[in-house]
C-alpha atoms as a PDB file:
ATOM      1  CA  UNK A   1      65.417 103.458 120.390  1.00  0.00           C
ATOM      2  CA  UNK A   2      64.690 103.835 116.670  1.00  0.00           C
ATOM      3  CA  UNK A   3      63.734 100.587 114.904  1.00  0.00           C
ATOM      4  CA  UNK A   4      64.746  99.523 112.090  1.00  0.00           C
ATOM      5  CA  UNK A   5      64.169  96.773 109.260  1.00  0.00           C
ATOM      6  CA  UNK A   6      68.416  96.293 109.141  1.00  0.00           C
ATOM      7  CA  UNK A   7      71.068  97.073 111.050  1.00  0.00           C
ATOM      8  CA  UNK A   8      74.403  96.612 109.320  1.00  0.00           C
ATOM      9  CA  UNK A   9      77.848  96.843 111.574  1.00  0.00           C
ATOM     10  CA  UNK A  10      80.674  97.828 109.837  1.00  0.00           C
ATOM     11  CA  UNK A  11      80.881 100.365 107.178  1.00  0.00           C
ATOM     12  CA  UNK A  12      83.768  98.806 104.952  1.00  0.00           C
ATOM     13  CA  UNK A  13      83.074  97.905 101.331  1.00  0.00           C
ATOM     14  CA  UNK A  14      81.166  94.713 102.925  1.00  0.00           C
ATOM     15  CA  UNK A  15      78.986  96.869 104.897  1.00  0.00           C
ATOM     16  CA  UNK A  16      78.917 100.136 102.582  1.00  0.00           C
ATOM     17  CA  UNK A  17      77.725  97.525  99.621  1.00  0.00           C
ATOM     18  CA  UNK A  18      74.867  95.728 102.049  1.00  0.00           C
ATOM     19  CA  UNK A  19      73.611  98.967 102.981  1.00  0.00           C
ATOM     20  CA  UNK A  20      73.309 100.151  99.327  1.00  0.00           C
ATOM     21  CA  UNK A  21      71.408  97.300  98.736  1.00  0.00           C
ATOM     22  CA  UNK A  22      69.023  97.711 101.240  1.00  0.00           C
ATOM     23  CA  UNK A  23      68.362 100.932 100.311  1.00  0.00           C
ATOM     24  CA  UNK A  24      67.989  99.852  96.611  1.00  0.00           C
ATOM     25  CA  UNK A  25      64.918  97.699  98.145  1.00  0.00           C
ATOM     26  CA  UNK A  26      63.457 100.776  99.621  1.00  0.00           C
ATOM     27  CA  UNK A  27      63.813  99.145 103.384  1.00  0.00           C
ATOM     28  CA  UNK A  28      65.035 101.277 106.664  1.00  0.00           C
ATOM     29  CA  UNK A  29      68.633 100.671 106.881  1.00  0.00           C
ATOM     30  CA  UNK A  30      71.171 102.269 109.134  1.00  0.00           C
ATOM     31  CA  UNK A  31      75.298 101.000 108.353  1.00  0.00           C
ATOM     32  CA  UNK A  32      77.415 102.358 111.850  1.00  0.00           C
ATOM     33  CA  UNK A  33      80.953 102.227 112.420  1.00  0.00           C
ATOM     34  CA  UNK A  34      83.230 103.260 115.550  1.00  0.00           C
ATOM     35  CA  UNK A  35      85.755 104.906 112.852  1.00  0.00           C
ATOM     36  CA  UNK A  36      85.936 106.123 108.991  1.00  0.00           C
ATOM     37  CA  UNK A  37      83.881 104.704 106.959  1.00  0.00           C
ATOM     38  CA  UNK A  38      86.457 102.366 104.626  1.00  0.00           C
ATOM     39  CA  UNK A  39      87.377 100.282 106.965  1.00  0.00           C
ATOM     40  CA  UNK A  40      91.166  98.813 106.208  1.00  0.00           C
ATOM     41  CA  UNK A  41      91.169 100.440 103.100  1.00  0.00           C
ATOM     42  CA  UNK A  42      92.230 103.506 104.864  1.00  0.00           C
ATOM     43  CA  UNK A  43      95.220 101.366 105.623  1.00  0.00           C
ATOM     44  CA  UNK A  44      96.130 100.462 102.212  1.00  0.00           C
ATOM     45  CA  UNK A  45      98.536 102.919  99.973  1.00  0.00           C
ATOM     46  CA  UNK A  46      97.745 101.432  97.367  1.00  0.00           C
ATOM     47  CA  UNK A  47      95.013  98.878  94.863  1.00  0.00           C
ATOM     48  CA  UNK A  48      95.917  97.470  91.930  1.00  0.00           C
ATOM     49  CA  UNK A  49      93.799  94.210  91.978  1.00  0.00           C
ATOM     50  CA  UNK A  50      90.087  95.758  91.973  1.00  0.00           C
ATOM     51  CA  UNK A  51      87.792  95.340  88.434  1.00  0.00           C
ATOM     52  CA  UNK A  52      87.385  98.313  87.377  1.00  0.00           C
ATOM     53  CA  UNK A  53      89.914 100.416  88.708  1.00  0.00           C
ATOM     54  CA  UNK A  54      93.319 100.143  87.485  1.00  0.00           C
ATOM     55  CA  UNK A  55      94.921 102.057  90.305  1.00  0.00           C
ATOM     56  CA  UNK A  56      93.720 103.864  93.513  1.00  0.00           C
ATOM     57  CA  UNK A  57      95.033 104.214  96.751  1.00  0.00           C
ATOM     58  CA  UNK A  58      92.844 103.166  99.623  1.00  0.00           C
ATOM     59  CA  UNK A  59      91.566 106.324 101.449  1.00  0.00           C
ATOM     60  CA  UNK A  60      90.718 107.156  97.895  1.00  0.00           C
ATOM     61  CA  UNK A  61      88.248 104.103  97.426  1.00  0.00           C
ATOM     62  CA  UNK A  62      87.228 104.368 101.074  1.00  0.00           C
ATOM     63  CA  UNK A  63      85.587 108.253 100.477  1.00  0.00           C
ATOM     64  CA  UNK A  64      84.103 107.006  96.621  1.00  0.00           C
ATOM     65  CA  UNK A  65      82.226 104.172  98.591  1.00  0.00           C
ATOM     66  CA  UNK A  66      81.441 106.799 101.177  1.00  0.00           C
ATOM     67  CA  UNK A  67      80.087 109.723  99.005  1.00  0.00           C
ATOM     68  CA  UNK A  68      78.546 106.805  96.468  1.00  0.00           C
ATOM     69  CA  UNK A  69      76.531 105.582  99.187  1.00  0.00           C
ATOM     70  CA  UNK A  70      75.843 108.356 100.598  1.00  0.00           C
ATOM     71  CA  UNK A  71      74.503 109.922  97.421  1.00  0.00           C
ATOM     72  CA  UNK A  72      71.856 107.680  97.383  1.00  0.00           C
ATOM     73  CA  UNK A  73      70.268 107.865 100.468  1.00  0.00           C
ATOM     74  CA  UNK A  74      72.383 105.559 102.822  1.00  0.00           C
ATOM     75  CA  UNK A  75      72.180 106.670 106.647  1.00  0.00           C
ATOM     76  CA  UNK A  76      75.751 105.985 107.983  1.00  0.00           C
ATOM     77  CA  UNK A  77      75.590 106.436 111.971  1.00  0.00           C
ATOM     78  CA  UNK A  78      78.648 106.023 114.358  1.00  0.00           C
ATOM     79  CA  UNK A  79      79.350 104.554 117.552  1.00  0.00           C
ATOM     80  CA  UNK A  80      81.150 101.969 119.147  1.00  0.00           C
ATOM     81  CA  UNK A  81      78.314  98.684 119.886  1.00  0.00           C
ATOM     82  CA  UNK A  82      79.125  97.476 123.092  1.00  0.00           C
ATOM     83  CA  UNK A  83      76.386  94.733 122.821  1.00  0.00           C
ATOM     84  CA  UNK A  84      73.961  93.031 120.956  1.00  0.00           C
ATOM     85  CA  UNK A  85      70.571  91.047 121.848  1.00  0.00           C
ATOM     86  CA  UNK A  86      67.576  89.058 121.099  1.00  0.00           C
ATOM     87  CA  UNK A  87      64.544  90.388 121.835  1.00  0.00           C
ATOM     88  CA  UNK A  88      61.085  88.764 122.544  1.00  0.00           C
ATOM     89  CA  UNK A  89      59.772  88.590 119.096  1.00  0.00           C
ATOM     90  CA  UNK A  90      63.257  87.599 117.552  1.00  0.00           C
ATOM     91  CA  UNK A  91      64.755  91.147 116.234  1.00  0.00           C
ATOM     92  CA  UNK A  92      67.518  92.544 117.649  1.00  0.00           C
ATOM     93  CA  UNK A  93      68.261  95.028 120.474  1.00  0.00           C
ATOM     94  CA  UNK A  94      71.478  96.749 119.971  1.00  0.00           C
ATOM     95  CA  UNK A  95      73.179  99.309 122.038  1.00  0.00           C
ATOM     96  CA  UNK A  96      76.438 101.560 121.188  1.00  0.00           C
ATOM     97  CA  UNK A  97      78.019 104.103 123.403  1.00  0.00           C
ATOM     98  CA  UNK A  98      76.061 106.807 122.073  1.00  0.00           C
ATOM     99  CA  UNK A  99      72.619 105.522 120.621  1.00  0.00           C
ATOM    100  CA  UNK A 100      70.458 102.375 120.665  1.00  0.00           C
ATOM    101  CA  UNK A 101      68.504 100.620 118.090  1.00  0.00           C
ATOM    102  CA  UNK A 102      66.205  97.714 116.767  1.00  0.00           C
ATOM    103  CA  UNK A 103      66.381  95.937 113.998  1.00  0.00           C
ATOM    104  CA  UNK A 104      64.851  92.712 112.534  1.00  0.00           C
ATOM    105  CA  UNK A 105      67.440  91.464 110.010  1.00  0.00           C
ATOM    106  CA  UNK A 106      71.257  92.127 111.591  1.00  0.00           C
ATOM    107  CA  UNK A 107      74.411  92.161 109.331  1.00  0.00           C
ATOM    108  CA  UNK A 108      77.477  92.076 111.181  1.00  0.00           C
ATOM    109  CA  UNK A 109      80.637  93.623 108.651  1.00  0.00           C
ATOM    110  CA  UNK A 110      82.813  94.628 110.826  1.00  0.00           C
ATOM    111  CA  UNK A 111      86.235  93.237 109.642  1.00  0.00           C
ATOM    112  CA  UNK A 112      89.061  92.093 111.833  1.00  0.00           C
ATOM    113  CA  UNK A 113      91.422  94.113 114.088  1.00  0.00           C
ATOM    114  CA  UNK A 114      94.507  93.979 112.901  1.00  0.00           C
ATOM    115  CA  UNK A 115      98.306  94.431 115.463  1.00  0.00           C
ATOM    116  CA  UNK A 116      95.331  94.850 118.001  1.00  0.00           C
ATOM    117  CA  UNK A 117      98.578  94.981 120.802  1.00  0.00           C
ATOM    118  CA  UNK A 118     101.095  96.796 118.317  1.00  0.00           C
ATOM    119  CA  UNK A 119     104.875  96.586 118.825  1.00  0.00           C
ATOM    120  CA  UNK A 120     106.887  99.043 118.556  1.00  0.00           C
ATOM    121  CA  UNK A 121     107.639 100.796 115.672  1.00  0.00           C
ATOM    122  CA  UNK A 122     104.743  98.624 114.056  1.00  0.00           C
ATOM    123  CA  UNK A 123     101.750 102.171 113.247  1.00  0.00           C
ATOM    124  CA  UNK A 124     104.256 104.744 112.775  1.00  0.00           C
ATOM    125  CA  UNK A 125     105.424 102.152 109.344  1.00  0.00           C
ATOM    126  CA  UNK A 126     101.813 101.269 108.467  1.00  0.00           C
ATOM    127  CA  UNK A 127     101.864 102.262 104.838  1.00  0.00           C
ATOM    128  CA  UNK A 128     105.367 101.935 104.794  1.00  0.00           C
ATOM    129  CA  UNK A 129     106.584  98.445 105.096  1.00  0.00           C
ATOM    130  CA  UNK A 130     104.072  97.400 107.327  1.00  0.00           C
ATOM    131  CA  UNK A 131     101.189  95.647 105.823  1.00  0.00           C
ATOM    132  CA  UNK A 132      98.545  93.671 106.655  1.00  0.00           C
ATOM    133  CA  UNK A 133      97.483  91.960 103.397  1.00  0.00           C
ATOM    134  CA  UNK A 134     100.182  90.211 101.859  1.00  0.00           C
ATOM    135  CA  UNK A 135      97.681  89.848  98.642  1.00  0.00           C
ATOM    136  CA  UNK A 136      97.289  93.590  98.760  1.00  0.00           C
ATOM    137  CA  UNK A 137     100.688  94.810  99.264  1.00  0.00           C
ATOM    138  CA  UNK A 138     103.182  91.836  98.315  1.00  0.00           C
ATOM    139  CA  UNK A 139     103.725  93.094  94.588  1.00  0.00           C
ATOM    140  CA  UNK A 140     105.185  96.044  96.014  1.00  0.00           C
ATOM    141  CA  UNK A 141     108.002  93.431  97.496  1.00  0.00           C
ATOM    142  CA  UNK A 142     109.071  91.551  94.538  1.00  0.00           C
ATOM    143  CA  UNK A 143     112.610  90.734  94.762  1.00  0.00           C
ATOM    144  CA  UNK A 144     112.974  92.152  98.185  1.00  0.00           C
ATOM    145  CA  UNK A 145     113.256  90.673 102.156  1.00  0.00           C
ATOM    146  CA  UNK A 146     110.155  90.564 104.188  1.00  0.00           C
ATOM    147  CA  UNK A 147     108.975  88.946 107.622  1.00  0.00           C
ATOM    148  CA  UNK A 148     105.693  87.465 108.071  1.00  0.00           C
ATOM    149  CA  UNK A 149     104.914  87.150 112.140  1.00  0.00           C
ATOM    150  CA  UNK A 150     102.110  85.180 112.713  1.00  0.00           C
ATOM    151  CA  UNK A 151     100.735  81.122 113.539  1.00  0.00           C
ATOM    152  CA  UNK A 152      97.452  80.906 112.366  1.00  0.00           C
ATOM    153  CA  UNK A 153      96.404  79.252 108.712  1.00  0.00           C
ATOM    154  CA  UNK A 154      95.638  82.926 107.092  1.00  0.00           C
ATOM    155  CA  UNK A 155      99.513  83.960 108.083  1.00  0.00           C
ATOM    156  CA  UNK A 156     100.824  80.886 106.575  1.00  0.00           C
ATOM    157  CA  UNK A 157      98.951  80.994 103.548  1.00  0.00           C
ATOM    158  CA  UNK A 158     100.900  84.716 103.534  1.00  0.00           C
ATOM    159  CA  UNK A 159     104.021  83.292 103.892  1.00  0.00           C
ATOM    160  CA  UNK A 160     103.196  81.081 100.870  1.00  0.00           C
ATOM    161  CA  UNK A 161     102.371  83.678  98.640  1.00  0.00           C
ATOM    162  CA  UNK A 162     104.960  85.831  99.213  1.00  0.00           C
ATOM    163  CA  UNK A 163     107.297  83.535  99.078  1.00  0.00           C
ATOM    164  CA  UNK A 164     106.779  83.389  95.148  1.00  0.00           C
ATOM    165  CA  UNK A 165     107.441  87.367  95.121  1.00  0.00           C
ATOM    166  CA  UNK A 166     110.168  88.231  97.493  1.00  0.00           C
ATOM    167  CA  UNK A 167     113.818  87.305  97.382  1.00  0.00           C
ATOM    168  CA  UNK A 168     113.437  85.676 100.910  1.00  0.00           C
ATOM    169  CA  UNK A 169     110.514  85.396 103.646  1.00  0.00           C
ATOM    170  CA  UNK A 170     111.095  84.955 107.473  1.00  0.00           C
ATOM    171  CA  UNK A 171     108.226  83.544 108.665  1.00  0.00           C
ATOM    172  CA  UNK A 172     108.242  84.235 112.502  1.00  0.00           C
ATOM    173  CA  UNK A 173     106.258  82.458 114.855  1.00  0.00           C
ATOM    174  CA  UNK A 174     105.168  82.640 118.762  1.00  0.00           C
ATOM    175  CA  UNK A 175     102.467  79.831 119.236  1.00  0.00           C
ATOM    176  CA  UNK A 176     102.155  76.584 117.860  1.00  0.00           C
ATOM    177  CA  UNK A 177     101.282  76.975 114.186  1.00  0.00           C
ATOM    178  CA  UNK A 178      97.184  76.474 113.686  1.00  0.00           C
ATOM    179  CA  UNK A 179      97.223  75.446 109.800  1.00  0.00           C
ATOM    180  CA  UNK A 180      96.891  72.071 108.163  1.00  0.00           C
ATOM    181  CA  UNK A 181      99.437  69.744 107.599  1.00  0.00           C
ATOM    182  CA  UNK A 182      99.494  70.341 103.859  1.00  0.00           C
ATOM    183  CA  UNK A 183     100.188  73.908 103.971  1.00  0.00           C
ATOM    184  CA  UNK A 184     102.630  73.581 106.356  1.00  0.00           C
ATOM    185  CA  UNK A 185     104.204  71.554 104.001  1.00  0.00           C
ATOM    186  CA  UNK A 186     104.350  73.831 101.324  1.00  0.00           C
ATOM    187  CA  UNK A 187     105.740  76.793 103.242  1.00  0.00           C
ATOM    188  CA  UNK A 188     108.370  73.886 104.513  1.00  0.00           C
ATOM    189  CA  UNK A 189     109.226  73.702 100.934  1.00  0.00           C
ATOM    190  CA  UNK A 190     110.211  76.693 100.008  1.00  0.00           C
ATOM    191  CA  UNK A 191     113.758  77.007  98.916  1.00  0.00           C
ATOM    192  CA  UNK A 192     113.039  81.217  99.876  1.00  0.00           C
ATOM    193  CA  UNK A 193     111.511  80.634 102.819  1.00  0.00           C
ATOM    194  CA  UNK A 194     113.281  80.682 106.472  1.00  0.00           C
ATOM    195  CA  UNK A 195     110.788  79.653 109.324  1.00  0.00           C
ATOM    196  CA  UNK A 196     111.821  80.679 112.747  1.00  0.00           C
ATOM    197  CA  UNK A 197     110.278  80.363 116.768  1.00  0.00           C
ATOM    198  CA  UNK A 198     109.935  83.307 118.554  1.00  0.00           C
ATOM    199  CA  UNK A 199     108.406  87.101 118.636  1.00  0.00           C
ATOM    200  CA  UNK A 200     108.712  90.196 117.013  1.00  0.00           C
ATOM    201  CA  UNK A 201     109.580  92.468 119.853  1.00  0.00           C
ATOM    202  CA  UNK A 202     109.855  95.761 117.088  1.00  0.00           C
ATOM    203  CA  UNK A 203     109.950  97.299 113.087  1.00  0.00           C
ATOM    204  CA  UNK A 204     113.061  99.241 112.870  1.00  0.00           C
ATOM    205  CA  UNK A 205     113.096 102.672 109.994  1.00  0.00           C
ATOM    206  CA  UNK A 206     112.406 106.148 110.073  1.00  0.00           C
ATOM    207  CA  UNK A 207     110.323 106.889 106.905  1.00  0.00           C
ATOM    208  CA  UNK A 208     110.006 103.423 105.918  1.00  0.00           C
ATOM    209  CA  UNK A 209     110.719  99.663 106.873  1.00  0.00           C
ATOM    210  CA  UNK A 210     114.278  98.878 107.553  1.00  0.00           C
ATOM    211  CA  UNK A 211     114.453  95.768 109.402  1.00  0.00           C
ATOM    212  CA  UNK A 212     112.669  94.314 112.666  1.00  0.00           C
ATOM    213  CA  UNK A 213     114.031  93.472 116.209  1.00  0.00           C
ATOM    214  CA  UNK A 214     112.945  89.892 116.682  1.00  0.00           C
ATOM    215  CA  UNK A 215     113.658  87.464 119.760  1.00  0.00           C
ATOM    216  CA  UNK A 216     114.439  83.664 119.783  1.00  0.00           C
ATOM    217  CA  UNK A 217     115.976  81.108 121.731  1.00  0.00           C
ATOM    218  CA  UNK A 218     119.311  81.864 120.287  1.00  0.00           C
ATOM    219  CA  UNK A 219     118.457  85.917 121.687  1.00  0.00           C
ATOM    220  CA  UNK A 220     117.985  88.445 120.550  1.00  0.00           C
ATOM    221  CA  UNK A 221     118.946  89.707 117.383  1.00  0.00           C
ATOM    222  CA  UNK A 222     118.113  92.076 114.242  1.00  0.00           C
ATOM    223  CA  UNK A 223     117.366  91.057 110.453  1.00  0.00           C
ATOM    224  CA  UNK A 224     116.948  93.501 107.631  1.00  0.00           C
ATOM    225  CA  UNK A 225     113.466  93.774 106.374  1.00  0.00           C
ATOM    226  CA  UNK A 226     111.873  95.582 103.303  1.00  0.00           C
ATOM    227  CA  UNK A 227     108.557  94.882 104.804  1.00  0.00           C
ATOM    228  CA  UNK A 228     106.976  93.416 108.231  1.00  0.00           C
ATOM    229  CA  UNK A 229     103.797  91.810 108.016  1.00  0.00           C
ATOM    230  CA  UNK A 230     102.395  91.283 111.290  1.00  0.00           C
ATOM    231  CA  UNK A 231      99.958  88.955 111.057  1.00  0.00           C
ATOM    232  CA  UNK A 232      99.615  87.515 114.309  1.00  0.00           C
ATOM    233  CA  UNK A 233      97.713  89.995 116.225  1.00  0.00           C
ATOM    234  CA  UNK A 234      93.966  89.780 113.553  1.00  0.00           C
ATOM    235  CA  UNK A 235      91.127  89.005 115.659  1.00  0.00           C
ATOM    236  CA  UNK A 236      87.736  89.340 114.708  1.00  0.00           C
ATOM    237  CA  UNK A 237      85.457  92.042 115.443  1.00  0.00           C
ATOM    238  CA  UNK A 238      82.967  90.541 117.211  1.00  0.00           C
ATOM    239  CA  UNK A 239      82.876  90.162 120.584  1.00  0.00           C
ATOM    240  CA  UNK A 240      80.028  92.157 120.931  1.00  0.00           C
ATOM    241  CA  UNK A 241      77.840  88.786 120.003  1.00  0.00           C
ATOM    242  CA  UNK A 242      78.794  86.894 122.792  1.00  0.00           C
ATOM    243  CA  UNK A 243      75.583  85.804 124.198  1.00  0.00           C
ATOM    244  CA  UNK A 244      74.060  84.932 120.875  1.00  0.00           C
ATOM    245  CA  UNK A 245      75.323  81.603 120.564  1.00  0.00           C
ATOM    246  CA  UNK A 246      76.861  82.607 116.867  1.00  0.00           C
ATOM    247  CA  UNK A 247      78.853  79.872 115.803  1.00  0.00           C
ATOM    248  CA  UNK A 248      82.563  80.495 115.245  1.00  0.00           C
ATOM    249  CA  UNK A 249      85.784  78.988 114.392  1.00  0.00           C
ATOM    250  CA  UNK A 250      88.935  80.833 116.086  1.00  0.00           C
ATOM    251  CA  UNK A 251      86.501  83.760 116.492  1.00  0.00           C
ATOM    252  CA  UNK A 252      85.197  84.213 113.119  1.00  0.00           C
ATOM    253  CA  UNK A 253      82.102  83.743 112.408  1.00  0.00           C
ATOM    254  CA  UNK A 254      81.219  80.733 110.259  1.00  0.00           C
ATOM    255  CA  UNK A 255      78.104  81.206 107.407  1.00  0.00           C
ATOM    256  CA  UNK A 256      76.483  79.112 104.908  1.00  0.00           C
ATOM    257  CA  UNK A 257      76.146  80.617 101.132  1.00  0.00           C
ATOM    258  CA  UNK A 258      73.832  82.777 101.474  1.00  0.00           C
ATOM    259  CA  UNK A 259      75.871  84.716 104.781  1.00  0.00           C
ATOM    260  CA  UNK A 260      73.105  83.177 106.955  1.00  0.00           C
ATOM    261  CA  UNK A 261      74.469  82.471 110.894  1.00  0.00           C
ATOM    262  CA  UNK A 262      72.981  79.931 112.546  1.00  0.00           C
ATOM    263  CA  UNK A 263      71.006  82.571 114.370  1.00  0.00           C
ATOM    264  CA  UNK A 264      68.140  83.705 112.533  1.00  0.00           C
ATOM    265  CA  UNK A 265      67.887  87.129 111.090  1.00  0.00           C
ATOM    266  CA  UNK A 266      71.986  87.118 111.943  1.00  0.00           C
ATOM    267  CA  UNK A 267      73.805  87.721 108.888  1.00  0.00           C
ATOM    268  CA  UNK A 268      77.745  88.417 108.338  1.00  0.00           C
ATOM    269  CA  UNK A 269      79.669  89.906 105.431  1.00  0.00           C
ATOM    270  CA  UNK A 270      83.522  90.381 104.443  1.00  0.00           C
ATOM    271  CA  UNK A 271      86.654  89.956 106.924  1.00  0.00           C
ATOM    272  CA  UNK A 272      84.907  88.861 110.040  1.00  0.00           C
ATOM    273  CA  UNK A 273      84.375  85.504 108.452  1.00  0.00           C
ATOM    274  CA  UNK A 274      85.703  82.207 108.754  1.00  0.00           C
ATOM    275  CA  UNK A 275      87.322  81.768 105.156  1.00  0.00           C
ATOM    276  CA  UNK A 276      90.240  81.526 103.175  1.00  0.00           C
ATOM    277  CA  UNK A 277      90.420  84.940 100.665  1.00  0.00           C
ATOM    278  CA  UNK A 278      90.336  88.427 102.228  1.00  0.00           C
ATOM    279  CA  UNK A 279      90.233  90.788  99.334  1.00  0.00           C
ATOM    280  CA  UNK A 280      88.237  93.625  98.699  1.00  0.00           C
ATOM    281  CA  UNK A 281      86.603  91.940  95.841  1.00  0.00           C
ATOM    282  CA  UNK A 282      84.672  89.417  97.719  1.00  0.00           C
ATOM    283  CA  UNK A 283      83.683  91.319 100.586  1.00  0.00           C
ATOM    284  CA  UNK A 284      81.960  93.133  97.982  1.00  0.00           C
ATOM    285  CA  UNK A 285      80.241  89.850  96.511  1.00  0.00           C
ATOM    286  CA  UNK A 286      79.331  89.069 100.273  1.00  0.00           C
ATOM    287  CA  UNK A 287      77.988  92.446 101.292  1.00  0.00           C
ATOM    288  CA  UNK A 288      75.411  91.766  98.393  1.00  0.00           C
ATOM    289  CA  UNK A 289      74.800  88.293  99.034  1.00  0.00           C
ATOM    290  CA  UNK A 290      74.106  89.047 102.835  1.00  0.00           C
ATOM    291  CA  UNK A 291      71.988  92.196 101.768  1.00  0.00           C
ATOM    292  CA  UNK A 292      69.777  89.868  99.675  1.00  0.00           C
ATOM    293  CA  UNK A 293      69.345  87.072 101.952  1.00  0.00           C
ATOM    294  CA  UNK A 294      68.265  89.865 104.485  1.00  0.00           C
ATOM    295  CA  UNK A 295      65.881  91.370 102.440  1.00  0.00           C
ATOM    296  CA  UNK A 296      64.199  88.205 102.118  1.00  0.00           C
ATOM    297  CA  UNK A 297      64.183  87.575 105.491  1.00  0.00           C
ATOM    298  CA  UNK A 298      62.472  90.945 106.327  1.00  0.00           C
ATOM    299  CA  UNK A 299      59.470  90.514 104.032  1.00  0.00           C
ATOM    300  CA  UNK A 300      58.977  86.957 105.503  1.00  0.00           C
ATOM    301  CA  UNK A 301      58.977  88.345 109.015  1.00  0.00           C
ATOM    302  CA  UNK A 302      57.039  91.418 107.747  1.00  0.00           C
ATOM    303  CA  UNK A 303      53.929  88.889 105.709  1.00  0.00           C
ATOM    304  CA  UNK A 304      54.113  86.819 108.973  1.00  0.00           C
ATOM    305  CA  UNK A 305      53.207  90.037 111.572  1.00  0.00           C
ATOM    306  CA  UNK A 306      50.578  91.006 109.104  1.00  0.00           C
END
């Protein structure tokens, strides 16, 4: 079992940023991911709102992050976390499908699983009109018709945002809306938003999205849209924390301003958090803050052990 000062779960923007800060502090750290470094960046075809980078595609930025980190000596390992337990000394025992680690501090930046149960056509048209981030890709659909599918607050917020860009927004939900009444009133007040209760059956199109097949109380029908935002299946990738008693809201991790959870030594950053804005720029900031807090915690633990 490898003994570390810190382990970072997730090699997206938040996780790699945390790894860079750990490396610069001369602490032993591994950044762990089950997929390719970059996280959801690999599914974003164009980014225009990252400061200092006028235009870049997601995979290109993901590769730049990976190259910068590895050039600095950040260790990026691969494996899917299967369990996290607390050791007698308060450190963390992390088990993956290929390795085991023991770390004084743990930073969870595992992001979310979006479209975990994808409908037909969704995966094939990702980046071709299927998007999971309105603030990332909404600008590409100015003056066009879009469909947002979801029932949680972030889906409502994305629909509101898209209403300022799109010609028409069809908001489809298949469960009671989990959103403040004030947000719902704003959504209802948008003249170009049509709210429907029903289910997304499939995304239509060959090389790009041309429509969606939906089912409502009136039966099955097809709507012509240029983009589909399937936001109903988004869940945080934090299932491995079950049993630690981590405070969560609707499956997303609660932290304070220092990115600390209620479990000593456990920090979180990025899309796995309960928060309003899921953007690259604040993910990087959260990664830096979580690492800074973890560094302080690690040094404190080492002083007490000396």
